[in-house]
Protein backbone atom coordinates (compact mmCIF):
# COMPACT_ATOMS: atom_id res chain seq x y z
CA UNK A 1 63.69 141.00 70.54
CA UNK A 2 63.23 140.92 73.80
CA UNK A 3 64.43 144.25 76.18
CA UNK A 4 66.80 144.06 78.66
CA UNK A 5 67.01 148.13 80.00
CA UNK A 6 64.55 151.14 79.52
CA UNK A 7 66.44 153.90 80.84
CA UNK A 8 65.81 157.45 81.34
CA UNK A 9 69.00 160.29 81.37
CA UNK A 10 68.72 163.31 82.76
CA UNK A 11 71.38 164.71 81.87
CA UNK A 12 75.07 164.09 79.94
CA UNK A 13 76.27 162.70 82.55
CA UNK A 14 73.96 159.95 83.50
CA UNK A 15 74.30 158.25 80.57
CA UNK A 16 77.99 157.86 80.83
CA UNK A 17 77.09 157.33 84.32
CA UNK A 18 74.68 154.43 83.27
CA UNK A 19 77.12 153.11 80.10
CA UNK A 20 80.03 152.93 83.05
CA UNK A 21 77.97 150.75 85.03
CA UNK A 22 76.91 148.51 81.66
CA UNK A 23 80.37 148.21 80.22
CA UNK A 24 81.58 144.82 81.47
CA UNK A 25 78.10 143.53 80.96
CA UNK A 26 78.90 142.67 77.20
CA UNK A 27 82.01 140.26 76.47
CA UNK A 28 84.10 139.34 73.25
CA UNK A 29 81.74 138.74 70.10
CA UNK A 30 78.65 141.13 71.11
CA UNK A 31 77.53 144.21 68.98
CA UNK A 32 76.52 146.99 70.46
CA UNK A 33 73.92 148.88 67.52
CA UNK A 34 73.28 152.22 68.32
CA UNK A 35 70.23 154.23 67.24
CA UNK A 36 68.76 158.00 67.37
CA UNK A 37 68.48 161.01 65.93
CA UNK A 38 71.95 163.64 65.95
CA UNK A 39 72.66 164.57 69.21
CA UNK A 40 71.27 162.15 71.09
CA UNK A 41 73.72 160.51 73.22
CA UNK A 42 75.10 157.91 71.50
CA UNK A 43 78.81 159.11 70.82
CA UNK A 44 78.58 159.97 74.95
CA UNK A 45 76.71 155.97 75.82
CA UNK A 46 80.57 155.15 73.49
CA UNK A 47 82.75 157.29 76.81
CA UNK A 48 81.12 155.32 79.14
CA UNK A 49 81.95 152.04 77.95
CA UNK A 50 85.54 152.89 77.00
CA UNK A 51 85.95 154.71 79.89
CA UNK A 52 84.11 151.25 82.16
CA UNK A 53 86.18 149.08 80.43
CA UNK A 54 89.29 150.61 82.19
CA UNK A 55 90.54 151.76 78.72
CA UNK A 56 91.34 155.56 77.57
CA UNK A 57 88.46 157.52 77.37
CA UNK A 58 89.98 160.89 76.70
CA UNK A 59 90.47 160.69 73.49
CA UNK A 60 86.39 159.36 72.80
CA UNK A 61 85.18 161.51 69.80
CA UNK A 62 82.80 160.72 66.73
CA UNK A 63 85.12 157.99 64.12
CA UNK A 64 82.22 159.96 61.05
CA UNK A 65 85.78 160.39 59.26
CA UNK A 66 88.49 157.19 59.49
CA UNK A 67 84.56 155.45 60.28
CA UNK A 68 86.29 153.15 62.91
CA UNK A 69 87.77 154.10 66.88
CA UNK A 70 89.96 151.08 68.31
CA UNK A 71 90.68 151.66 71.46
CA UNK A 72 93.34 148.84 73.10
CA UNK A 73 93.21 146.93 76.06
CA UNK A 74 92.26 143.84 78.02
CA UNK A 75 89.05 143.48 75.90
CA UNK A 76 89.28 146.73 72.99
CA UNK A 77 86.05 147.92 71.48
CA UNK A 78 85.96 148.86 68.37
CA UNK A 79 83.16 152.01 67.58
CA UNK A 80 81.98 151.88 64.25
CA UNK A 81 80.23 155.16 62.89
CA UNK A 82 77.80 154.86 59.97
CA UNK A 83 76.39 157.69 59.28
CA UNK A 84 78.27 159.14 56.60
CA UNK A 85 77.88 155.84 54.46
CA UNK A 86 75.81 155.37 51.44
CA UNK A 87 75.73 151.67 50.89
CA UNK A 88 76.34 148.96 53.58
CA UNK A 89 79.17 147.11 50.81
CA UNK A 90 81.38 149.76 51.76
CA UNK A 91 81.52 148.34 55.87
CA UNK A 92 83.64 146.17 53.38
CA UNK A 93 87.28 148.26 52.35
CA UNK A 94 87.52 148.94 55.91
CA UNK A 95 87.37 145.08 57.16
CA UNK A 96 84.08 144.82 58.74
CA UNK A 97 84.06 141.35 58.98
CA UNK A 98 87.60 141.07 60.57
CA UNK A 99 86.09 143.58 63.20
CA UNK A 100 83.54 141.32 64.05
CA UNK A 101 85.62 137.82 64.86
CA UNK A 102 88.58 140.09 66.69
CA UNK A 103 88.67 139.18 70.07
CA UNK A 104 86.63 142.55 71.79
CA UNK A 105 83.04 144.42 71.99
CA UNK A 106 82.08 146.08 68.52
CA UNK A 107 80.49 149.69 69.13
CA UNK A 108 77.84 150.71 66.05
CA UNK A 109 76.59 154.68 65.86
CA UNK A 110 73.99 154.21 63.16
CA UNK A 111 73.77 150.87 62.99
CA UNK A 112 70.66 150.78 61.05
CA UNK A 113 73.24 151.39 57.71
CA UNK A 114 74.69 147.95 57.92
CA UNK A 115 71.47 146.67 57.34
CA UNK A 116 72.04 142.62 55.64
CA UNK A 117 75.36 143.02 57.24
CA UNK A 118 74.41 143.14 60.88
CA UNK A 119 75.42 139.68 62.46
CA UNK A 120 72.21 137.43 64.12
CA UNK A 121 72.81 138.17 67.45
CA UNK A 122 72.80 142.33 68.04
CA UNK A 123 72.43 144.45 71.08
CA UNK A 124 70.19 147.31 70.11
CA UNK A 125 70.53 150.25 71.95
CA UNK A 126 67.89 153.32 70.53
CA UNK A 127 68.17 156.33 72.27
CA UNK A 128 65.54 159.37 71.61
CA UNK A 129 65.81 162.70 72.58
CA UNK A 130 62.61 163.61 74.83
CA UNK A 131 63.80 167.31 75.68
CA UNK A 132 66.80 169.16 75.59
CA UNK A 133 69.08 167.57 78.49
CA UNK A 134 65.94 164.47 78.99
CA UNK A 135 67.18 161.37 77.22
CA UNK A 136 64.99 157.76 76.85
CA UNK A 137 67.57 155.28 76.02
CA UNK A 138 66.05 151.38 75.49
CA UNK A 139 68.22 148.36 75.07
CA UNK A 140 67.73 145.47 73.31
CA UNK A 141 69.00 142.14 72.28
CA UNK A 142 67.64 140.73 68.60
CA UNK A 143 68.21 137.21 68.22
């Protein structure tokens, strides 16, 4: 693993702005695995990525029940939330492998639950809650 970035966000607006700024750094085939506790800012980060790519961000929400939301555009973003899965094998039912091969960027909240179904190369983005408003965000390339 190699660390790419470590930042402290002092508000939801700062988390949104950070993701917005980084959005175009990710290219087709990139997988972003977001980890951290509930309320740490993972969905806010996804909203910033969608906004930064010029996609329709007003509709960004955590796809907990549908498991995946698609944000179409020139370079689409596929947003998974694995919070509710009990086994990585459930990912086969929604076409996990197909999404990883599509043109676009795949972002996965609770991605650690995918276990051995994660490819050998992906970005791991860890969110830690420091206090009521502050979050530590670390981005590492796993390969």
